[in-house]
């Protein structure tokens, strides 16, 4: 899958990119709001976008809104910091960052195999 990964934390971004590319996904990682906003409004297509809990909330909401406008088929996955956290960002799926690589790759497998509308799942 072609994935856009957004975080302002370079270490988390590199780790996620390493994991996802290791599973054969094509990953574009962006580390600032300006690049993220430009990219989601561009003609670049992604099957999924990961938004890290470290990404500023206002920018994350704007990215989600613009992604839905410009690329409605792209699935938005928000990585929450801890279980039970309810972010202010509307996403198709929420996963907990501390669940590591299995959560990242698992959600992409689910998205890849889902042919109908994606059902939102609550954070465990």
N, C-alpha and C. Protein backbone atom coordinates (compact mmCIF):
# COMPACT_ATOMS: atom_id res chain seq x y z
N UNK A 1 0.84 -1.19 0.00
CA UNK A 1 0.00 0.00 0.00
C UNK A 1 0.88 1.25 0.00
N UNK A 2 0.34 2.30 -0.53
CA UNK A 2 1.02 3.59 -0.51
C UNK A 2 0.50 4.35 0.72
N UNK A 3 1.42 4.71 1.64
CA UNK A 3 1.06 5.26 2.94
C UNK A 3 1.72 6.62 3.14
N UNK A 4 0.95 7.55 3.70
CA UNK A 4 1.48 8.83 4.14
C UNK A 4 1.53 8.80 5.66
N UNK A 5 2.68 9.11 6.23
CA UNK A 5 2.86 9.08 7.68
C UNK A 5 3.20 10.48 8.17
N UNK A 6 2.43 10.98 9.14
CA UNK A 6 2.61 12.33 9.65
C UNK A 6 2.96 12.30 11.13
N UNK A 7 4.06 12.92 11.47
CA UNK A 7 4.48 13.05 12.87
C UNK A 7 5.48 14.19 12.95
N UNK A 8 5.54 14.83 14.10
CA UNK A 8 6.59 15.83 14.29
C UNK A 8 7.76 15.23 15.06
N UNK A 9 7.68 13.95 15.37
CA UNK A 9 8.73 13.25 16.10
C UNK A 9 9.54 12.43 15.10
N UNK A 10 10.77 12.86 14.77
CA UNK A 10 11.56 12.16 13.76
C UNK A 10 11.85 10.70 14.11
N UNK A 11 12.04 10.41 15.38
CA UNK A 11 12.35 9.04 15.78
C UNK A 11 11.15 8.11 15.56
N UNK A 12 9.97 8.54 15.99
CA UNK A 12 8.77 7.75 15.75
C UNK A 12 8.51 7.58 14.26
N UNK A 13 8.73 8.65 13.52
CA UNK A 13 8.51 8.61 12.08
C UNK A 13 9.43 7.60 11.41
N UNK A 14 10.70 7.61 11.76
CA UNK A 14 11.66 6.67 11.17
C UNK A 14 11.30 5.23 11.54
N UNK A 15 10.92 5.01 12.78
CA UNK A 15 10.55 3.67 13.23
C UNK A 15 9.36 3.15 12.43
N UNK A 16 8.32 3.96 12.31
CA UNK A 16 7.13 3.54 11.56
C UNK A 16 7.46 3.28 10.09
N UNK A 17 8.27 4.16 9.52
CA UNK A 17 8.65 3.98 8.12
C UNK A 17 9.43 2.68 7.94
N UNK A 18 10.36 2.40 8.84
CA UNK A 18 11.16 1.18 8.78
C UNK A 18 10.25 -0.06 8.84
N UNK A 19 9.33 -0.06 9.78
CA UNK A 19 8.41 -1.19 9.96
C UNK A 19 7.56 -1.39 8.72
N UNK A 20 6.95 -0.32 8.24
CA UNK A 20 6.03 -0.43 7.10
C UNK A 20 6.75 -0.78 5.81
N UNK A 21 7.89 -0.19 5.57
CA UNK A 21 8.65 -0.53 4.37
C UNK A 21 9.15 -1.97 4.44
N UNK A 22 9.46 -2.43 5.63
CA UNK A 22 9.87 -3.82 5.81
C UNK A 22 8.79 -4.81 5.43
N UNK A 23 7.54 -4.36 5.49
CA UNK A 23 6.39 -5.18 5.11
C UNK A 23 5.99 -4.95 3.65
N UNK A 24 6.79 -4.15 2.92
CA UNK A 24 6.54 -3.94 1.50
C UNK A 24 5.68 -2.75 1.14
N UNK A 25 5.38 -1.91 2.11
CA UNK A 25 4.56 -0.73 1.82
C UNK A 25 5.46 0.43 1.36
N UNK A 26 4.90 1.29 0.54
CA UNK A 26 5.59 2.49 0.09
C UNK A 26 5.19 3.63 1.02
N UNK A 27 6.16 4.22 1.72
CA UNK A 27 5.85 5.19 2.78
C UNK A 27 6.48 6.55 2.48
N UNK A 28 5.67 7.59 2.60
CA UNK A 28 6.14 8.96 2.57
C UNK A 28 5.94 9.51 3.97
N UNK A 29 7.04 9.92 4.61
CA UNK A 29 6.97 10.46 5.97
C UNK A 29 7.20 11.96 5.94
N UNK A 30 6.29 12.69 6.60
CA UNK A 30 6.42 14.14 6.67
C UNK A 30 6.47 14.56 8.14
N UNK A 31 7.31 15.57 8.41
CA UNK A 31 7.57 15.97 9.79
C UNK A 31 7.10 17.37 10.15
N UNK A 32 6.32 18.00 9.27
CA UNK A 32 5.83 19.33 9.63
C UNK A 32 4.46 19.60 9.00
N UNK A 33 3.77 20.54 9.59
CA UNK A 33 2.41 20.85 9.19
C UNK A 33 2.32 21.37 7.76
N UNK A 34 3.25 22.24 7.39
CA UNK A 34 3.21 22.85 6.06
C UNK A 34 3.28 21.79 4.96
N UNK A 35 4.24 20.89 5.07
CA UNK A 35 4.38 19.82 4.08
C UNK A 35 3.15 18.92 4.05
N UNK A 36 2.62 18.62 5.23
CA UNK A 36 1.44 17.76 5.31
C UNK A 36 0.25 18.40 4.60
N UNK A 37 0.01 19.67 4.86
CA UNK A 37 -1.14 20.35 4.25
C UNK A 37 -0.97 20.46 2.74
N UNK A 38 0.24 20.72 2.28
CA UNK A 38 0.49 20.78 0.83
C UNK A 38 0.26 19.41 0.19
N UNK A 39 0.73 18.38 0.85
CA UNK A 39 0.64 17.03 0.28
C UNK A 39 -0.80 16.55 0.18
N UNK A 40 -1.61 16.77 1.21
CA UNK A 40 -2.99 16.27 1.16
C UNK A 40 -3.83 17.03 0.14
N UNK A 41 -3.40 18.21 -0.26
CA UNK A 41 -4.12 18.97 -1.27
C UNK A 41 -3.56 18.74 -2.68
N UNK A 42 -2.47 17.99 -2.76
CA UNK A 42 -1.84 17.72 -4.04
C UNK A 42 -2.56 16.57 -4.75
N UNK A 43 -2.05 16.21 -5.90
CA UNK A 43 -2.63 15.10 -6.65
C UNK A 43 -2.02 13.77 -6.24
N UNK A 44 -1.09 13.78 -5.30
CA UNK A 44 -0.49 12.53 -4.82
C UNK A 44 -1.57 11.68 -4.16
N UNK A 45 -1.61 10.41 -4.53
CA UNK A 45 -2.62 9.48 -4.01
C UNK A 45 -1.99 8.56 -2.97
N UNK A 46 -2.71 8.33 -1.89
CA UNK A 46 -2.31 7.41 -0.83
C UNK A 46 -3.52 6.56 -0.48
N UNK A 47 -3.25 5.31 -0.12
CA UNK A 47 -4.34 4.45 0.31
C UNK A 47 -4.66 4.66 1.78
N UNK A 48 -3.64 5.07 2.54
CA UNK A 48 -3.83 5.32 3.97
C UNK A 48 -2.93 6.44 4.43
N UNK A 49 -3.41 7.17 5.43
CA UNK A 49 -2.58 8.19 6.07
C UNK A 49 -2.60 7.90 7.57
N UNK A 50 -1.39 7.84 8.14
CA UNK A 50 -1.23 7.69 9.58
C UNK A 50 -0.97 9.07 10.16
N UNK A 51 -1.73 9.43 11.18
CA UNK A 51 -1.51 10.70 11.87
C UNK A 51 -1.12 10.37 13.30
N UNK A 52 0.06 10.77 13.69
CA UNK A 52 0.61 10.48 15.02
C UNK A 52 0.01 11.41 16.07
N UNK A 53 -0.14 10.90 17.27
CA UNK A 53 -0.64 11.69 18.40
C UNK A 53 0.25 12.89 18.69
N UNK A 54 1.50 12.87 18.23
CA UNK A 54 2.40 13.99 18.44
C UNK A 54 2.18 15.13 17.46
N UNK A 55 1.45 14.84 16.37
CA UNK A 55 1.16 15.87 15.38
C UNK A 55 0.15 16.83 16.01
N UNK A 56 0.34 18.15 15.87
CA UNK A 56 -0.57 19.11 16.50
C UNK A 56 -2.04 18.86 16.14
N UNK A 57 -2.90 18.89 17.15
CA UNK A 57 -4.31 18.54 16.97
C UNK A 57 -5.02 19.37 15.90
N UNK A 58 -4.81 20.67 15.90
CA UNK A 58 -5.49 21.53 14.92
C UNK A 58 -5.05 21.15 13.50
N UNK A 59 -3.78 20.92 13.32
CA UNK A 59 -3.26 20.53 12.01
C UNK A 59 -3.77 19.14 11.63
N UNK A 60 -3.85 18.23 12.58
CA UNK A 60 -4.35 16.88 12.31
C UNK A 60 -5.81 16.93 11.85
N UNK A 61 -6.62 17.76 12.50
CA UNK A 61 -8.02 17.91 12.09
C UNK A 61 -8.11 18.48 10.68
N UNK A 62 -7.27 19.46 10.39
CA UNK A 62 -7.27 20.07 9.07
C UNK A 62 -6.81 19.07 8.00
N UNK A 63 -5.79 18.29 8.31
CA UNK A 63 -5.32 17.26 7.38
C UNK A 63 -6.45 16.27 7.09
N UNK A 64 -7.14 15.82 8.12
CA UNK A 64 -8.23 14.86 7.94
C UNK A 64 -9.34 15.46 7.07
N UNK A 65 -9.70 16.71 7.35
CA UNK A 65 -10.76 17.36 6.57
C UNK A 65 -10.35 17.50 5.10
N UNK A 66 -9.12 17.96 4.86
CA UNK A 66 -8.64 18.14 3.49
C UNK A 66 -8.48 16.80 2.77
N UNK A 67 -8.05 15.79 3.50
CA UNK A 67 -7.89 14.47 2.88
C UNK A 67 -9.26 13.96 2.42
N UNK A 68 -10.28 14.16 3.24
CA UNK A 68 -11.63 13.72 2.87
C UNK A 68 -12.15 14.49 1.65
N UNK A 69 -11.78 15.77 1.55
CA UNK A 69 -12.21 16.58 0.41
C UNK A 69 -11.49 16.19 -0.87
N UNK A 70 -10.17 16.07 -0.80
CA UNK A 70 -9.35 15.87 -1.99
C UNK A 70 -9.13 14.39 -2.35
N UNK A 71 -9.19 13.51 -1.37
CA UNK A 71 -8.90 12.09 -1.59
C UNK A 71 -9.85 11.24 -0.73
N UNK A 72 -11.13 11.24 -1.06
CA UNK A 72 -12.11 10.58 -0.20
C UNK A 72 -11.91 9.08 -0.01
N UNK A 73 -11.19 8.42 -0.90
CA UNK A 73 -10.98 6.98 -0.74
C UNK A 73 -9.81 6.65 0.19
N UNK A 74 -9.02 7.65 0.55
CA UNK A 74 -7.89 7.42 1.45
C UNK A 74 -8.41 7.21 2.86
N UNK A 75 -7.95 6.17 3.52
CA UNK A 75 -8.35 5.86 4.89
C UNK A 75 -7.42 6.57 5.87
N UNK A 76 -8.01 7.15 6.91
CA UNK A 76 -7.25 7.89 7.91
C UNK A 76 -7.15 7.05 9.17
N UNK A 77 -5.91 6.84 9.61
CA UNK A 77 -5.64 6.08 10.83
C UNK A 77 -4.95 7.02 11.80
N UNK A 78 -5.55 7.17 12.97
CA UNK A 78 -4.96 8.05 13.99
C UNK A 78 -4.30 7.17 15.04
N UNK A 79 -3.05 7.46 15.35
CA UNK A 79 -2.30 6.72 16.35
C UNK A 79 -2.39 7.46 17.67
N UNK A 80 -3.18 6.91 18.60
CA UNK A 80 -3.33 7.52 19.91
C UNK A 80 -2.15 7.15 20.79
N UNK A 81 -1.96 7.92 21.83
CA UNK A 81 -0.82 7.71 22.73
C UNK A 81 -1.07 6.58 23.71
N UNK A 82 -2.26 6.56 24.32
CA UNK A 82 -2.57 5.55 25.34
C UNK A 82 -3.99 5.01 25.12
N UNK A 83 -4.24 3.84 25.68
CA UNK A 83 -5.58 3.27 25.61
C UNK A 83 -6.58 4.21 26.28
N UNK A 84 -7.78 4.30 25.69
CA UNK A 84 -8.84 5.11 26.26
C UNK A 84 -8.81 6.57 25.83
N UNK A 85 -7.77 6.97 25.14
CA UNK A 85 -7.66 8.36 24.67
C UNK A 85 -8.66 8.56 23.53
N UNK A 86 -9.39 9.65 23.59
CA UNK A 86 -10.33 9.99 22.52
C UNK A 86 -9.87 11.28 21.87
N UNK A 87 -9.15 11.16 20.77
CA UNK A 87 -8.62 12.35 20.10
C UNK A 87 -9.73 13.18 19.46
N UNK A 88 -9.40 14.40 19.18
CA UNK A 88 -10.35 15.32 18.54
C UNK A 88 -10.32 15.18 17.03
N UNK A 89 -9.63 14.19 16.53
CA UNK A 89 -9.49 13.99 15.10
C UNK A 89 -10.40 12.86 14.66
N UNK A 90 -11.22 13.13 13.66
CA UNK A 90 -12.11 12.10 13.14
C UNK A 90 -11.33 11.24 12.15
N UNK A 91 -11.20 9.97 12.48
CA UNK A 91 -10.44 9.04 11.65
C UNK A 91 -11.29 7.80 11.35
N UNK A 92 -10.84 7.02 10.40
CA UNK A 92 -11.52 5.77 10.08
C UNK A 92 -11.17 4.69 11.09
N UNK A 93 -9.96 4.74 11.59
CA UNK A 93 -9.49 3.78 12.59
C UNK A 93 -8.60 4.50 13.59
N UNK A 94 -8.55 3.96 14.80
CA UNK A 94 -7.68 4.45 15.85
C UNK A 94 -6.88 3.26 16.35
N UNK A 95 -5.57 3.42 16.46
CA UNK A 95 -4.73 2.39 17.03
C UNK A 95 -3.83 3.03 18.08
N UNK A 96 -3.34 2.21 18.99
CA UNK A 96 -2.47 2.71 20.06
C UNK A 96 -1.03 2.53 19.62
N UNK A 97 -0.28 3.63 19.60
CA UNK A 97 1.11 3.60 19.15
C UNK A 97 1.97 2.61 19.91
N UNK A 98 1.70 2.45 21.21
CA UNK A 98 2.49 1.54 22.03
C UNK A 98 2.29 0.08 21.64
N UNK A 99 1.27 -0.23 20.85
CA UNK A 99 1.07 -1.59 20.39
C UNK A 99 2.07 -1.99 19.31
N UNK A 100 2.84 -1.00 18.83
CA UNK A 100 3.97 -1.26 17.96
C UNK A 100 3.65 -1.76 16.56
N UNK A 101 4.64 -2.47 16.02
CA UNK A 101 4.59 -2.92 14.63
C UNK A 101 3.36 -3.76 14.30
N UNK A 102 2.94 -4.69 15.18
CA UNK A 102 1.75 -5.49 14.82
C UNK A 102 0.50 -4.64 14.59
N UNK A 103 0.35 -3.57 15.33
CA UNK A 103 -0.82 -2.69 15.14
C UNK A 103 -0.73 -1.96 13.81
N UNK A 104 0.46 -1.47 13.48
CA UNK A 104 0.64 -0.76 12.20
C UNK A 104 0.35 -1.65 11.01
N UNK A 105 0.97 -2.81 11.00
CA UNK A 105 0.80 -3.71 9.86
C UNK A 105 -0.59 -4.33 9.84
N UNK A 106 -1.14 -4.60 11.02
CA UNK A 106 -2.47 -5.19 11.10
C UNK A 106 -3.55 -4.29 10.54
N UNK A 107 -3.48 -3.01 10.88
CA UNK A 107 -4.51 -2.09 10.38
C UNK A 107 -4.41 -1.95 8.87
N UNK A 108 -3.20 -1.98 8.32
CA UNK A 108 -3.07 -1.90 6.87
C UNK A 108 -3.60 -3.16 6.19
N UNK A 109 -3.42 -4.31 6.82
CA UNK A 109 -3.99 -5.54 6.27
C UNK A 109 -5.51 -5.45 6.25
N UNK A 110 -6.08 -4.94 7.34
CA UNK A 110 -7.54 -4.78 7.40
C UNK A 110 -8.02 -3.82 6.32
N UNK A 111 -7.33 -2.71 6.16
CA UNK A 111 -7.73 -1.72 5.16
C UNK A 111 -7.62 -2.30 3.76
N UNK A 112 -6.58 -3.06 3.53
CA UNK A 112 -6.34 -3.65 2.20
C UNK A 112 -7.43 -4.66 1.84
N UNK A 113 -7.90 -5.41 2.81
CA UNK A 113 -8.89 -6.45 2.56
C UNK A 113 -10.33 -5.96 2.66
N UNK A 114 -10.53 -4.75 3.13
CA UNK A 114 -11.88 -4.21 3.29
C UNK A 114 -12.34 -3.64 1.96
N UNK A 115 -13.41 -4.17 1.43
CA UNK A 115 -13.92 -3.69 0.15
C UNK A 115 -15.09 -2.74 0.29
N UNK A 116 -15.76 -2.78 1.44
CA UNK A 116 -16.91 -1.90 1.66
C UNK A 116 -16.51 -0.70 2.49
N UNK A 117 -17.48 0.06 2.95
CA UNK A 117 -17.20 1.20 3.80
C UNK A 117 -16.52 0.73 5.09
N UNK A 118 -15.56 1.48 5.52
CA UNK A 118 -14.81 1.11 6.72
C UNK A 118 -15.64 1.42 7.96
N UNK A 119 -15.72 0.47 8.86
CA UNK A 119 -16.44 0.65 10.11
C UNK A 119 -15.46 1.14 11.17
N UNK A 120 -15.80 2.21 11.85
CA UNK A 120 -14.94 2.72 12.91
C UNK A 120 -14.93 1.75 14.07
N UNK A 121 -13.75 1.54 14.61
CA UNK A 121 -13.63 0.68 15.79
C UNK A 121 -13.10 1.51 16.94
N UNK A 122 -13.60 1.25 18.10
CA UNK A 122 -13.15 1.99 19.28
C UNK A 122 -11.77 1.50 19.70
N UNK A 123 -11.04 2.38 20.35
CA UNK A 123 -9.76 2.01 20.94
C UNK A 123 -10.03 1.07 22.10
N UNK A 124 -9.32 -0.07 22.17
CA UNK A 124 -9.58 -1.01 23.29
C UNK A 124 -9.26 -0.39 24.63
